[in-house]
Every structure is written in structure tokens, then in C-alpha cells.
Amino acid sequence: MTVKMEASAGKMPHNTLMAYGLIIAVVGTYLTYLNVVTGIAVFSFFGGIAAVAALWWGSDTIKHLCSYGLGTGVPSAGMIAFGSGALAMIVGTKFGMASPIVTLILAAILGAVIGYTANTIINMNIPVMIMSLVELSIVGAMTMLGFASMCTGSFNFSEMVIGSMSLSVESAGAAAGGAQQFLVTAVPQFGNSLIGGAALTVIFFLGAIALQHPFNACLGPNESQDRTLMLALSCGFLSMIVIAVISFVFIGLLAGTVNLLVSLIAWFYCYKTYIELSKRDAFAWLDSKPILEVGGDQ
């Protein structure tokens, strides 16, 4: 039997929040294509905004799923989200301009399979399990795709797997007149790429922690939707700061600086607002009294 621990419903319905998060995540990822159109990578930060929007939506999904218990399912839900999301994201980036949409569809399919297995075969019997894992798989995939696009300036697989090119020079023999000829070949270097250099692993854990933490931190009798969601934004932009630092390696000084400035400004605003909301909720409990237990000396 599953017991539902009621969490705050909040002013914004979950489906509305999901629609906002999904739209911003997809549109934000596509806006990184402005790098290709303009020939400069300064629009990479849109990928980070897309990832943060997905995390913002996902934190509310985590709350709905993990309210069927004591919150102990938060870490496992986050790992499932990014494990299935990583598979969908890597495969989805092979489809060119359709990559964000294909990634979303693949993630939804994986989430549905995992949710069905958990609810029916493992017999967890949580009413929102299947839909929540569909959402969380999409959240994981779009977060990783957004942060990867922020790092490389593109949502295509080739830019994520090829770091740089080296030149291979071989002698091609002597030409007419005795001049020596050389064959120069460009050889791709995979070890210093986003995937080959394991930077994608860093993105995995930065996203997973940012997804898991907000509801875990705010869980309790005075949990409020606006405070939880503001912490989700703060955690998302905090992860985005680290991604911005990593992006210097792949997209250069100018674009990396733009990424870092956007991340820092957004994080500072969200964290400041979160502290204000925390003080508001703490003040509401200022005069609360402990519950007296019956028995003993009472």
C-alpha cells in the first residue's frame, strides 16, 4: 500500500508549470543555433537557460512523485531521470536540426518503459509513477542537451564528440622536376571533446544534484511551492556557473565570458530571492509551539 504525504499544491498547477518548462527548454536549445547563423558562439547561454527551465519543471515533478512516501525516493528519481535522459540525449543528437525534438521523444519512451516496469513488474503501485518518470526522463535529457549546447555552442553530436583537429603530414614522393610532395590530412581529436573528455559526466551530476536538492531541502510541514521552485532556479543557475567555466575550453573567451556573466547574474538574483522567501516562511512559524506529548510528566 502506498501512502501519500501531502505537499503544498501551490498557486501554479503542475501541468501549467510543465508546459512552461518544456517550451522554454525546447526553444532555448534551438536558440543556440543562432551561433551557426551569426558565426559567433555568444548565444550559447540559451542552452543553459533551457537546462534550468527543465530543472525548474522537474523539481515540481519530483515533489509530486516523492510525496508518495517520505521523500526518500528523491535521489533515485533523479538518477533515473538523468540515466535514461543521457541515453536519449546522446542518440537524439544524431538527427541534426530535429535533435531536440527527437531527444524529447526518445526520453518520453524510455521514461514510460521504466515507469511501467517500476509500477507493474516491481509492483510499486504509485498512481503518478509512469507519468512522472516520463516527465523526469525528458527533464534529464533536455537538461543535459541544454548544458551540452552551452558548452559546445551546438546541439549536434559531431560538435560534442570532436574536440579539435590535428594535421598529419606524410611524404607523397617527388613530383616532376624533383620537387618533394607531402600529403596533409586533418585528423579529429576525440579525447579533448565534451564526450571524449568526460565533461558530459560533470554535466550529468551537476544536473542530477540540481534536480534532487530543492524538494529535499524544502520538504516539511511549511514547504511552499514558490520557495521550492526558487531554490530549483538557484541550484540550476549555480550548476550553470560551473558549465560556463567549462565552456571556456570549447567555445573561447568571449562566448565563455557571456555564459559566465549570465549565469552569475541569474544565480545572484534567484538566491537572494530564495533567502527572502525562506525568511518569510520562517517568520510564519516564529510563534509556533511544540506539540506536547501525552504521558510522562505532562
C-alpha atoms as a PDB file:
ATOM      1  CA  MET A   1       0.000   0.000   0.000  1.00  0.00           C
ATOM      2  CA  THR A   2       1.247   3.471  -0.851  1.00  0.00           C
ATOM      3  CA  VAL A   3       0.701   6.386   1.483  1.00  0.00           C
ATOM      4  CA  LYS A   4       0.632   9.894   0.043  1.00  0.00           C
ATOM      5  CA  MET A   5       2.321  12.578   2.108  1.00  0.00           C
ATOM      6  CA  GLU A   6       0.591  15.812   1.134  1.00  0.00           C
ATOM      7  CA  ALA A   7       2.860  18.572  -0.189  1.00  0.00           C
ATOM      8  CA  SER A   8       1.783  22.101  -0.978  1.00  0.00           C
ATOM      9  CA  ALA A   9      -0.356  22.406  -4.069  1.00  0.00           C
ATOM     10  CA  GLY A  10       0.905  25.887  -4.845  1.00  0.00           C
ATOM     11  CA  LYS A  11      -0.610  28.644  -6.912  1.00  0.00           C
ATOM     12  CA  MET A  12       0.617  27.297 -10.269  1.00  0.00           C
ATOM     13  CA  PRO A  13      -0.897  23.968 -11.404  1.00  0.00           C
ATOM     14  CA  HIS A  14       1.661  21.325 -12.259  1.00  0.00           C
ATOM     15  CA  ASN A  15       0.511  20.968 -15.870  1.00  0.00           C
ATOM     16  CA  THR A  16       0.920  24.714 -16.437  1.00  0.00           C
ATOM     17  CA  LEU A  17       4.370  24.614 -14.910  1.00  0.00           C
ATOM     18  CA  MET A  18       5.257  21.621 -17.075  1.00  0.00           C
ATOM     19  CA  ALA A  19       4.128  23.427 -20.234  1.00  0.00           C
ATOM     20  CA  TYR A  20       6.265  26.481 -19.431  1.00  0.00           C
ATOM     21  CA  GLY A  21       9.295  24.371 -18.590  1.00  0.00           C
ATOM     22  CA  LEU A  22       9.013  22.193 -21.680  1.00  0.00           C
ATOM     23  CA  ILE A  23       8.501  25.088 -24.102  1.00  0.00           C
ATOM     24  CA  ILE A  24      11.378  27.135 -22.693  1.00  0.00           C
ATOM     25  CA  ALA A  25      13.660  24.075 -22.702  1.00  0.00           C
ATOM     26  CA  VAL A  26      12.990  23.286 -26.367  1.00  0.00           C
ATOM     27  CA  VAL A  27      13.005  26.895 -27.602  1.00  0.00           C
ATOM     28  CA  GLY A  28      16.106  27.733 -25.570  1.00  0.00           C
ATOM     29  CA  THR A  29      18.002  24.803 -27.038  1.00  0.00           C
ATOM     30  CA  TYR A  30      17.030  25.812 -30.568  1.00  0.00           C
ATOM     31  CA  LEU A  31      18.145  29.403 -29.915  1.00  0.00           C
ATOM     32  CA  THR A  32      21.725  28.154 -29.624  1.00  0.00           C
ATOM     33  CA  TYR A  33      21.522  27.665 -33.402  1.00  0.00           C
ATOM     34  CA  LEU A  34      21.995  31.437 -33.614  1.00  0.00           C
ATOM     35  CA  ASN A  35      25.677  30.597 -33.144  1.00  0.00           C
ATOM     36  CA  VAL A  36      25.642  28.951 -36.571  1.00  0.00           C
ATOM     37  CA  VAL A  37      23.570  31.701 -38.181  1.00  0.00           C
ATOM     38  CA  THR A  38      25.760  34.544 -36.908  1.00  0.00           C
ATOM     39  CA  GLY A  39      29.101  32.733 -36.911  1.00  0.00           C
ATOM     40  CA  ILE A  40      29.849  33.609 -33.264  1.00  0.00           C
ATOM     41  CA  ALA A  41      29.141  31.485 -30.181  1.00  0.00           C
ATOM     42  CA  VAL A  42      27.816  34.211 -27.858  1.00  0.00           C
ATOM     43  CA  PHE A  43      24.300  32.730 -27.925  1.00  0.00           C
ATOM     44  CA  SER A  44      25.401  29.520 -26.171  1.00  0.00           C
ATOM     45  CA  PHE A  45      23.952  30.735 -22.862  1.00  0.00           C
ATOM     46  CA  PHE A  46      20.458  29.985 -24.202  1.00  0.00           C
ATOM     47  CA  GLY A  47      21.311  26.301 -23.768  1.00  0.00           C
ATOM     48  CA  GLY A  48      21.918  26.907 -20.073  1.00  0.00           C
ATOM     49  CA  ILE A  49      18.605  28.725 -19.717  1.00  0.00           C
ATOM     50  CA  ALA A  50      16.901  25.775 -21.430  1.00  0.00           C
ATOM     51  CA  ALA A  51      18.500  23.377 -18.940  1.00  0.00           C
ATOM     52  CA  VAL A  52      17.485  25.499 -15.936  1.00  0.00           C
ATOM     53  CA  ALA A  53      13.892  25.661 -17.209  1.00  0.00           C
ATOM     54  CA  ALA A  54      13.825  21.861 -17.410  1.00  0.00           C
ATOM     55  CA  LEU A  55      15.198  21.592 -13.848  1.00  0.00           C
ATOM     56  CA  TRP A  56      12.608  24.100 -12.615  1.00  0.00           C
ATOM     57  CA  TRP A  57       9.816  21.956 -14.047  1.00  0.00           C
ATOM     58  CA  GLY A  58      11.474  18.729 -12.880  1.00  0.00           C
ATOM     59  CA  SER A  59      11.702  19.856  -9.259  1.00  0.00           C
ATOM     60  CA  ASP A  60       7.911  20.090  -9.153  1.00  0.00           C
ATOM     61  CA  THR A  61       7.624  16.643 -10.755  1.00  0.00           C
ATOM     62  CA  ILE A  62       9.985  15.289  -8.082  1.00  0.00           C
ATOM     63  CA  LYS A  63       7.677  16.770  -5.436  1.00  0.00           C
ATOM     64  CA  HIS A  64       4.587  15.090  -6.894  1.00  0.00           C
ATOM     65  CA  LEU A  65       6.291  11.706  -7.237  1.00  0.00           C
ATOM     66  CA  CYS A  66       8.127  11.676  -3.921  1.00  0.00           C
ATOM     67  CA  SER A  67       5.156  12.897  -1.914  1.00  0.00           C
ATOM     68  CA  TYR A  68       4.073   9.236  -2.058  1.00  0.00           C
ATOM     69  CA  GLY A  69       6.467   8.402   0.762  1.00  0.00           C
ATOM     70  CA  LEU A  70       8.859  10.290   3.000  1.00  0.00           C
ATOM     71  CA  GLY A  71      10.970  11.950   0.327  1.00  0.00           C
ATOM     72  CA  THR A  72      13.476   9.086   0.317  1.00  0.00           C
ATOM     73  CA  GLY A  73      12.824   8.456  -3.374  1.00  0.00           C
ATOM     74  CA  VAL A  74      14.255  11.813  -4.435  1.00  0.00           C
ATOM     75  CA  PRO A  75      17.846  10.610  -5.141  1.00  0.00           C
ATOM     76  CA  SER A  76      16.732   7.507  -7.037  1.00  0.00           C
ATOM     77  CA  ALA A  77      14.255   9.527  -9.110  1.00  0.00           C
ATOM     78  CA  GLY A  78      16.995  11.993 -10.025  1.00  0.00           C
ATOM     79  CA  MET A  79      19.406   9.258 -11.058  1.00  0.00           C
ATOM     80  CA  ILE A  80      16.748   7.503 -13.147  1.00  0.00           C
ATOM     81  CA  ALA A  81      15.907  10.830 -14.799  1.00  0.00           C
ATOM     82  CA  PHE A  82      19.467  11.515 -15.870  1.00  0.00           C
ATOM     83  CA  GLY A  83      20.385   7.904 -16.616  1.00  0.00           C
ATOM     84  CA  SER A  84      17.563   7.498 -19.115  1.00  0.00           C
ATOM     85  CA  GLY A  85      17.958  11.118 -20.220  1.00  0.00           C
ATOM     86  CA  ALA A  86      21.635  10.598 -21.046  1.00  0.00           C
ATOM     87  CA  LEU A  87      20.789   7.720 -23.391  1.00  0.00           C
ATOM     88  CA  ALA A  88      18.075   9.734 -25.136  1.00  0.00           C
ATOM     89  CA  MET A  89      20.288  12.801 -25.409  1.00  0.00           C
ATOM     90  CA  ILE A  90      23.296  11.016 -26.932  1.00  0.00           C
ATOM     91  CA  VAL A  91      21.173   9.185 -29.513  1.00  0.00           C
ATOM     92  CA  GLY A  92      18.971  12.206 -30.214  1.00  0.00           C
ATOM     93  CA  THR A  93      21.874  14.486 -31.139  1.00  0.00           C
ATOM     94  CA  LYS A  94      22.456  12.415 -34.290  1.00  0.00           C
ATOM     95  CA  PHE A  95      19.401  13.937 -36.041  1.00  0.00           C
ATOM     96  CA  GLY A  96      20.609  17.422 -36.986  1.00  0.00           C
ATOM     97  CA  MET A  97      18.036  20.180 -36.661  1.00  0.00           C
ATOM     98  CA  ALA A  98      15.478  17.707 -35.310  1.00  0.00           C
ATOM     99  CA  SER A  99      17.790  16.694 -32.440  1.00  0.00           C
ATOM    100  CA  PRO A 100      15.937  18.463 -29.566  1.00  0.00           C
ATOM    101  CA  ILE A 101      12.573  17.051 -30.666  1.00  0.00           C
ATOM    102  CA  VAL A 102      13.949  13.526 -31.230  1.00  0.00           C
ATOM    103  CA  THR A 103      15.696  13.682 -27.852  1.00  0.00           C
ATOM    104  CA  LEU A 104      12.399  14.622 -26.194  1.00  0.00           C
ATOM    105  CA  ILE A 105      10.510  11.767 -27.870  1.00  0.00           C
ATOM    106  CA  LEU A 106      13.161   9.148 -27.066  1.00  0.00           C
ATOM    107  CA  ALA A 107      13.281  10.290 -23.440  1.00  0.00           C
ATOM    108  CA  ALA A 108       9.485  10.041 -23.136  1.00  0.00           C
ATOM    109  CA  ILE A 109       9.548   6.466 -24.477  1.00  0.00           C
ATOM    110  CA  LEU A 110      12.332   5.431 -22.098  1.00  0.00           C
ATOM    111  CA  GLY A 111      10.545   7.039 -19.163  1.00  0.00           C
ATOM    112  CA  ALA A 112       7.303   5.247 -19.984  1.00  0.00           C
ATOM    113  CA  VAL A 113       9.077   1.871 -20.142  1.00  0.00           C
ATOM    114  CA  ILE A 114      10.878   2.473 -16.839  1.00  0.00           C
ATOM    115  CA  GLY A 115       7.698   3.754 -15.184  1.00  0.00           C
ATOM    116  CA  TYR A 116       5.669   0.761 -16.357  1.00  0.00           C
ATOM    117  CA  THR A 117       8.359  -1.623 -15.122  1.00  0.00           C
ATOM    118  CA  ALA A 118       8.521   0.060 -11.707  1.00  0.00           C
ATOM    119  CA  ASN A 119       4.771   0.218 -11.226  1.00  0.00           C
ATOM    120  CA  THR A 120       3.619  -3.057 -12.759  1.00  0.00           C
ATOM    121  CA  ILE A 121       6.515  -5.521 -12.590  1.00  0.00           C
ATOM    122  CA  ILE A 122       8.218  -4.279  -9.405  1.00  0.00           C
ATOM    123  CA  ASN A 123       4.719  -3.523  -8.097  1.00  0.00           C
ATOM    124  CA  MET A 124       5.378  -0.115  -6.518  1.00  0.00           C
ATOM    125  CA  ASN A 125       1.755   0.922  -7.163  1.00  0.00           C
ATOM    126  CA  ILE A 126       2.296   4.683  -7.177  1.00  0.00           C
ATOM    127  CA  PRO A 127      -0.522   6.384  -9.142  1.00  0.00           C
ATOM    128  CA  VAL A 128       1.699   9.066 -10.701  1.00  0.00           C
ATOM    129  CA  MET A 129       4.728   6.822 -11.320  1.00  0.00           C
ATOM    130  CA  ILE A 130       4.520   6.340 -15.102  1.00  0.00           C
ATOM    131  CA  MET A 131       3.727   9.945 -15.996  1.00  0.00           C
ATOM    132  CA  SER A 132       6.279  11.276 -13.509  1.00  0.00           C
ATOM    133  CA  LEU A 133       9.074   9.126 -14.923  1.00  0.00           C
ATOM    134  CA  VAL A 134       8.127  10.172 -18.456  1.00  0.00           C
ATOM    135  CA  GLU A 135       8.478  13.791 -17.326  1.00  0.00           C
ATOM    136  CA  LEU A 136      11.704  13.193 -15.396  1.00  0.00           C
ATOM    137  CA  SER A 137      13.343  11.378 -18.313  1.00  0.00           C
ATOM    138  CA  ILE A 138      12.537  14.346 -20.545  1.00  0.00           C
ATOM    139  CA  VAL A 139      13.847  16.705 -17.867  1.00  0.00           C
ATOM    140  CA  GLY A 140      17.114  14.760 -17.643  1.00  0.00           C
ATOM    141  CA  ALA A 141      17.557  14.631 -21.405  1.00  0.00           C
ATOM    142  CA  MET A 142      16.748  18.307 -22.017  1.00  0.00           C
ATOM    143  CA  THR A 143      18.946  19.416 -19.124  1.00  0.00           C
ATOM    144  CA  MET A 144      21.932  17.505 -20.463  1.00  0.00           C
ATOM    145  CA  LEU A 145      21.262  18.667 -24.014  1.00  0.00           C
ATOM    146  CA  GLY A 146      20.916  22.285 -22.879  1.00  0.00           C
ATOM    147  CA  PHE A 147      24.121  22.294 -20.832  1.00  0.00           C
ATOM    148  CA  ALA A 148      25.989  20.425 -23.589  1.00  0.00           C
ATOM    149  CA  SER A 149      24.813  23.037 -26.109  1.00  0.00           C
ATOM    150  CA  MET A 150      26.002  25.763 -23.762  1.00  0.00           C
ATOM    151  CA  CYS A 151      29.448  24.160 -23.609  1.00  0.00           C
ATOM    152  CA  THR A 152      29.929  23.496 -27.311  1.00  0.00           C
ATOM    153  CA  GLY A 153      27.622  26.066 -28.903  1.00  0.00           C
ATOM    154  CA  SER A 154      25.710  23.349 -30.745  1.00  0.00           C
ATOM    155  CA  PHE A 155      23.197  20.546 -30.115  1.00  0.00           C
ATOM    156  CA  ASN A 156      24.722  18.234 -32.758  1.00  0.00           C
ATOM    157  CA  PHE A 157      26.645  15.076 -31.931  1.00  0.00           C
ATOM    158  CA  SER A 158      29.690  15.904 -34.073  1.00  0.00           C
ATOM    159  CA  GLU A 159      30.476  19.088 -32.115  1.00  0.00           C
ATOM    160  CA  MET A 160      30.212  17.163 -28.842  1.00  0.00           C
ATOM    161  CA  VAL A 161      32.469  14.284 -29.838  1.00  0.00           C
ATOM    162  CA  ILE A 162      35.180  16.080 -31.869  1.00  0.00           C
ATOM    163  CA  GLY A 163      37.310  18.428 -29.814  1.00  0.00           C
ATOM    164  CA  SER A 164      39.950  19.719 -32.207  1.00  0.00           C
ATOM    165  CA  MET A 165      41.832  18.735 -35.359  1.00  0.00           C
ATOM    166  CA  SER A 166      45.492  17.838 -35.761  1.00  0.00           C
ATOM    167  CA  LEU A 167      47.450  17.702 -39.012  1.00  0.00           C
ATOM    168  CA  SER A 168      49.125  14.526 -40.231  1.00  0.00           C
ATOM    169  CA  VAL A 169      51.890  15.109 -42.804  1.00  0.00           C
ATOM    170  CA  GLU A 170      53.138  12.244 -44.986  1.00  0.00           C
ATOM    171  CA  SER A 171      55.520  12.211 -47.873  1.00  0.00           C
ATOM    172  CA  ALA A 172      53.823  11.671 -51.222  1.00  0.00           C
ATOM    173  CA  GLY A 173      57.018  11.225 -53.226  1.00  0.00           C
ATOM    174  CA  ALA A 174      58.749  13.501 -55.701  1.00  0.00           C
ATOM    175  CA  ALA A 175      56.866  15.395 -58.368  1.00  0.00           C
ATOM    176  CA  ALA A 176      58.086  16.248 -61.839  1.00  0.00           C
ATOM    177  CA  GLY A 177      61.240  18.349 -61.585  1.00  0.00           C
ATOM    178  CA  GLY A 178      62.292  16.690 -58.330  1.00  0.00           C
ATOM    179  CA  ALA A 179      60.071  18.749 -56.009  1.00  0.00           C
ATOM    180  CA  GLN A 180      59.035  16.847 -52.902  1.00  0.00           C
ATOM    181  CA  GLN A 181      55.280  16.418 -52.342  1.00  0.00           C
ATOM    182  CA  PHE A 182      53.501  15.973 -48.992  1.00  0.00           C
ATOM    183  CA  LEU A 183      50.039  14.711 -48.151  1.00  0.00           C
ATOM    184  CA  VAL A 184      48.430  16.705 -45.302  1.00  0.00           C
ATOM    185  CA  THR A 185      45.444  15.103 -43.553  1.00  0.00           C
ATOM    186  CA  ALA A 186      43.244  16.625 -40.835  1.00  0.00           C
ATOM    187  CA  VAL A 187      42.769  14.113 -38.011  1.00  0.00           C
ATOM    188  CA  PRO A 188      39.947  14.694 -35.477  1.00  0.00           C
ATOM    189  CA  GLN A 189      40.890  14.589 -31.788  1.00  0.00           C
ATOM    190  CA  PHE A 190      38.235  12.944 -29.647  1.00  0.00           C
ATOM    191  CA  GLY A 191      39.960  12.982 -26.264  1.00  0.00           C
ATOM    192  CA  ASN A 192      39.525  16.725 -25.723  1.00  0.00           C
ATOM    193  CA  SER A 193      35.857  16.840 -26.739  1.00  0.00           C
ATOM    194  CA  LEU A 194      32.812  17.209 -24.481  1.00  0.00           C
ATOM    195  CA  ILE A 195      32.060  13.480 -24.558  1.00  0.00           C
ATOM    196  CA  GLY A 196      35.581  12.139 -25.082  1.00  0.00           C
ATOM    197  CA  GLY A 197      36.962  14.320 -22.300  1.00  0.00           C
ATOM    198  CA  ALA A 198      34.249  13.158 -19.874  1.00  0.00           C
ATOM    199  CA  ALA A 199      32.850  16.690 -19.429  1.00  0.00           C
ATOM    200  CA  LEU A 200      29.428  15.164 -20.110  1.00  0.00           C
ATOM    201  CA  THR A 201      29.842  13.235 -16.849  1.00  0.00           C
ATOM    202  CA  VAL A 202      30.215  16.529 -14.987  1.00  0.00           C
ATOM    203  CA  ILE A 203      27.033  17.779 -16.677  1.00  0.00           C
ATOM    204  CA  PHE A 204      25.254  14.579 -15.587  1.00  0.00           C
ATOM    205  CA  PHE A 205      25.995  15.088 -11.902  1.00  0.00           C
ATOM    206  CA  LEU A 206      25.529  18.871 -11.877  1.00  0.00           C
ATOM    207  CA  GLY A 207      22.076  18.403 -13.367  1.00  0.00           C
ATOM    208  CA  ALA A 208      21.121  15.466 -11.150  1.00  0.00           C
ATOM    209  CA  ILE A 209      22.084  17.267  -7.932  1.00  0.00           C
ATOM    210  CA  ALA A 210      20.266  20.432  -9.030  1.00  0.00           C
ATOM    211  CA  LEU A 211      17.144  18.344  -9.719  1.00  0.00           C
ATOM    212  CA  GLN A 212      17.197  16.406  -6.451  1.00  0.00           C
ATOM    213  CA  HIS A 213      18.104  19.108  -3.966  1.00  0.00           C
ATOM    214  CA  PRO A 214      15.224  21.654  -3.985  1.00  0.00           C
ATOM    215  CA  PHE A 215      12.389  19.433  -2.715  1.00  0.00           C
ATOM    216  CA  ASN A 216      14.756  17.534  -0.403  1.00  0.00           C
ATOM    217  CA  ALA A 217      15.825  20.834   1.163  1.00  0.00           C
ATOM    218  CA  CYS A 218      12.347  22.364   1.391  1.00  0.00           C
ATOM    219  CA  LEU A 219      10.425  19.213   2.379  1.00  0.00           C
ATOM    220  CA  GLY A 220       8.471  19.669   5.579  1.00  0.00           C
ATOM    221  CA  PRO A 221       5.217  20.978   7.024  1.00  0.00           C
ATOM    222  CA  ASN A 222       5.887  24.508   5.766  1.00  0.00           C
ATOM    223  CA  GLU A 223       7.053  23.590   2.248  1.00  0.00           C
ATOM    224  CA  SER A 224       5.798  26.219  -0.200  1.00  0.00           C
ATOM    225  CA  GLN A 225       5.779  25.981  -3.974  1.00  0.00           C
ATOM    226  CA  ASP A 226       7.329  29.370  -4.693  1.00  0.00           C
ATOM    227  CA  ARG A 227      10.239  28.786  -2.293  1.00  0.00           C
ATOM    228  CA  THR A 228      10.917  25.289  -3.639  1.00  0.00           C
ATOM    229  CA  LEU A 229      10.821  26.474  -7.244  1.00  0.00           C
ATOM    230  CA  MET A 230      13.048  29.459  -6.471  1.00  0.00           C
ATOM    231  CA  LEU A 231      15.601  27.111  -4.905  1.00  0.00           C
ATOM    232  CA  ALA A 232      15.370  24.986  -8.063  1.00  0.00           C
ATOM    233  CA  LEU A 233      16.243  28.039 -10.164  1.00  0.00           C
ATOM    234  CA  SER A 234      19.073  28.926  -7.800  1.00  0.00           C
ATOM    235  CA  CYS A 235      20.516  25.382  -7.994  1.00  0.00           C
ATOM    236  CA  GLY A 236      20.107  25.350 -11.767  1.00  0.00           C
ATOM    237  CA  PHE A 237      21.973  28.613 -12.253  1.00  0.00           C
ATOM    238  CA  LEU A 238      24.633  27.522  -9.761  1.00  0.00           C
ATOM    239  CA  SER A 239      25.261  24.460 -11.956  1.00  0.00           C
ATOM    240  CA  MET A 240      25.188  26.771 -14.968  1.00  0.00           C
ATOM    241  CA  ILE A 241      28.104  28.745 -13.483  1.00  0.00           C
ATOM    242  CA  VAL A 242      30.264  25.621 -13.491  1.00  0.00           C
ATOM    243  CA  ILE A 243      29.165  24.804 -17.040  1.00  0.00           C
ATOM    244  CA  ALA A 244      30.111  28.351 -18.071  1.00  0.00           C
ATOM    245  CA  VAL A 245      33.629  27.821 -16.734  1.00  0.00           C
ATOM    246  CA  ILE A 246      33.909  24.551 -18.653  1.00  0.00           C
ATOM    247  CA  SER A 247      32.664  26.271 -21.817  1.00  0.00           C
ATOM    248  CA  PHE A 248      35.807  28.439 -21.987  1.00  0.00           C
ATOM    249  CA  VAL A 249      37.675  25.329 -23.177  1.00  0.00           C
ATOM    250  CA  PHE A 250      35.308  24.660 -26.070  1.00  0.00           C
ATOM    251  CA  ILE A 251      33.909  27.977 -27.340  1.00  0.00           C
ATOM    252  CA  GLY A 252      36.548  30.528 -26.400  1.00  0.00           C
ATOM    253  CA  LEU A 253      36.966  33.583 -24.201  1.00  0.00           C
ATOM    254  CA  LEU A 254      34.190  35.875 -25.483  1.00  0.00           C
ATOM    255  CA  ALA A 255      31.346  33.339 -25.514  1.00  0.00           C
ATOM    256  CA  GLY A 256      32.545  31.783 -22.255  1.00  0.00           C
ATOM    257  CA  THR A 257      32.531  35.197 -20.580  1.00  0.00           C
ATOM    258  CA  VAL A 258      28.955  35.849 -21.752  1.00  0.00           C
ATOM    259  CA  ASN A 259      27.949  32.439 -20.355  1.00  0.00           C
ATOM    260  CA  LEU A 260      29.577  33.218 -17.019  1.00  0.00           C
ATOM    261  CA  LEU A 261      28.065  36.696 -16.657  1.00  0.00           C
ATOM    262  CA  VAL A 262      24.532  35.498 -17.447  1.00  0.00           C
ATOM    263  CA  SER A 263      24.924  32.600 -15.001  1.00  0.00           C
ATOM    264  CA  LEU A 264      26.280  34.755 -12.165  1.00  0.00           C
ATOM    265  CA  ILE A 265      23.648  37.479 -12.514  1.00  0.00           C
ATOM    266  CA  ALA A 266      20.765  34.977 -12.694  1.00  0.00           C
ATOM    267  CA  TRP A 267      22.091  32.932  -9.761  1.00  0.00           C
ATOM    268  CA  PHE A 268      22.577  36.007  -7.551  1.00  0.00           C
ATOM    269  CA  TYR A 269      19.019  37.201  -8.185  1.00  0.00           C
ATOM    270  CA  CYS A 270      17.451  33.764  -7.580  1.00  0.00           C
ATOM    271  CA  TYR A 271      19.499  33.041  -4.463  1.00  0.00           C
ATOM    272  CA  LYS A 272      18.707  36.473  -2.978  1.00  0.00           C
ATOM    273  CA  THR A 273      15.002  35.896  -3.661  1.00  0.00           C
ATOM    274  CA  TYR A 274      15.174  32.405  -2.152  1.00  0.00           C
ATOM    275  CA  ILE A 275      16.664  33.791   1.084  1.00  0.00           C
ATOM    276  CA  GLU A 276      13.844  36.340   1.268  1.00  0.00           C
ATOM    277  CA  LEU A 277      11.228  33.598   0.796  1.00  0.00           C
ATOM    278  CA  SER A 278      12.963  31.473   3.448  1.00  0.00           C
ATOM    279  CA  LYS A 279      12.783  34.361   5.929  1.00  0.00           C
ATOM    280  CA  ARG A 280       9.099  34.820   5.071  1.00  0.00           C
ATOM    281  CA  ASP A 281       8.284  31.164   5.767  1.00  0.00           C
ATOM    282  CA  ALA A 282      10.439  31.091   8.895  1.00  0.00           C
ATOM    283  CA  PHE A 283       8.609  34.154  10.269  1.00  0.00           C
ATOM    284  CA  ALA A 284       5.288  32.385   9.779  1.00  0.00           C
ATOM    285  CA  TRP A 285       6.474  29.729  12.256  1.00  0.00           C
ATOM    286  CA  LEU A 286       8.041  32.144  14.725  1.00  0.00           C
ATOM    287  CA  ASP A 287       5.350  31.784  17.396  1.00  0.00           C
ATOM    288  CA  SER A 288       4.583  28.116  16.794  1.00  0.00           C
ATOM    289  CA  LYS A 289       4.657  25.870  19.861  1.00  0.00           C
ATOM    290  CA  PRO A 290       5.917  22.267  20.055  1.00  0.00           C
ATOM    291  CA  ILE A 291       3.284  19.533  20.218  1.00  0.00           C
ATOM    292  CA  LEU A 292       3.022  18.268  23.789  1.00  0.00           C
ATOM    293  CA  GLU A 293       3.111  14.510  24.130  1.00  0.00           C
ATOM    294  CA  VAL A 294       0.612  12.773  26.385  1.00  0.00           C
ATOM    295  CA  GLY A 295       2.122  10.839  29.257  1.00  0.00           C
ATOM    296  CA  GLY A 296       5.189  11.102  31.425  1.00  0.00           C
ATOM    297  CA  ASP A 297       5.348  14.358  33.344  1.00  0.00           C
ATOM    298  CA  GLN A 298       2.936  16.152  31.032  1.00  0.00           C
END
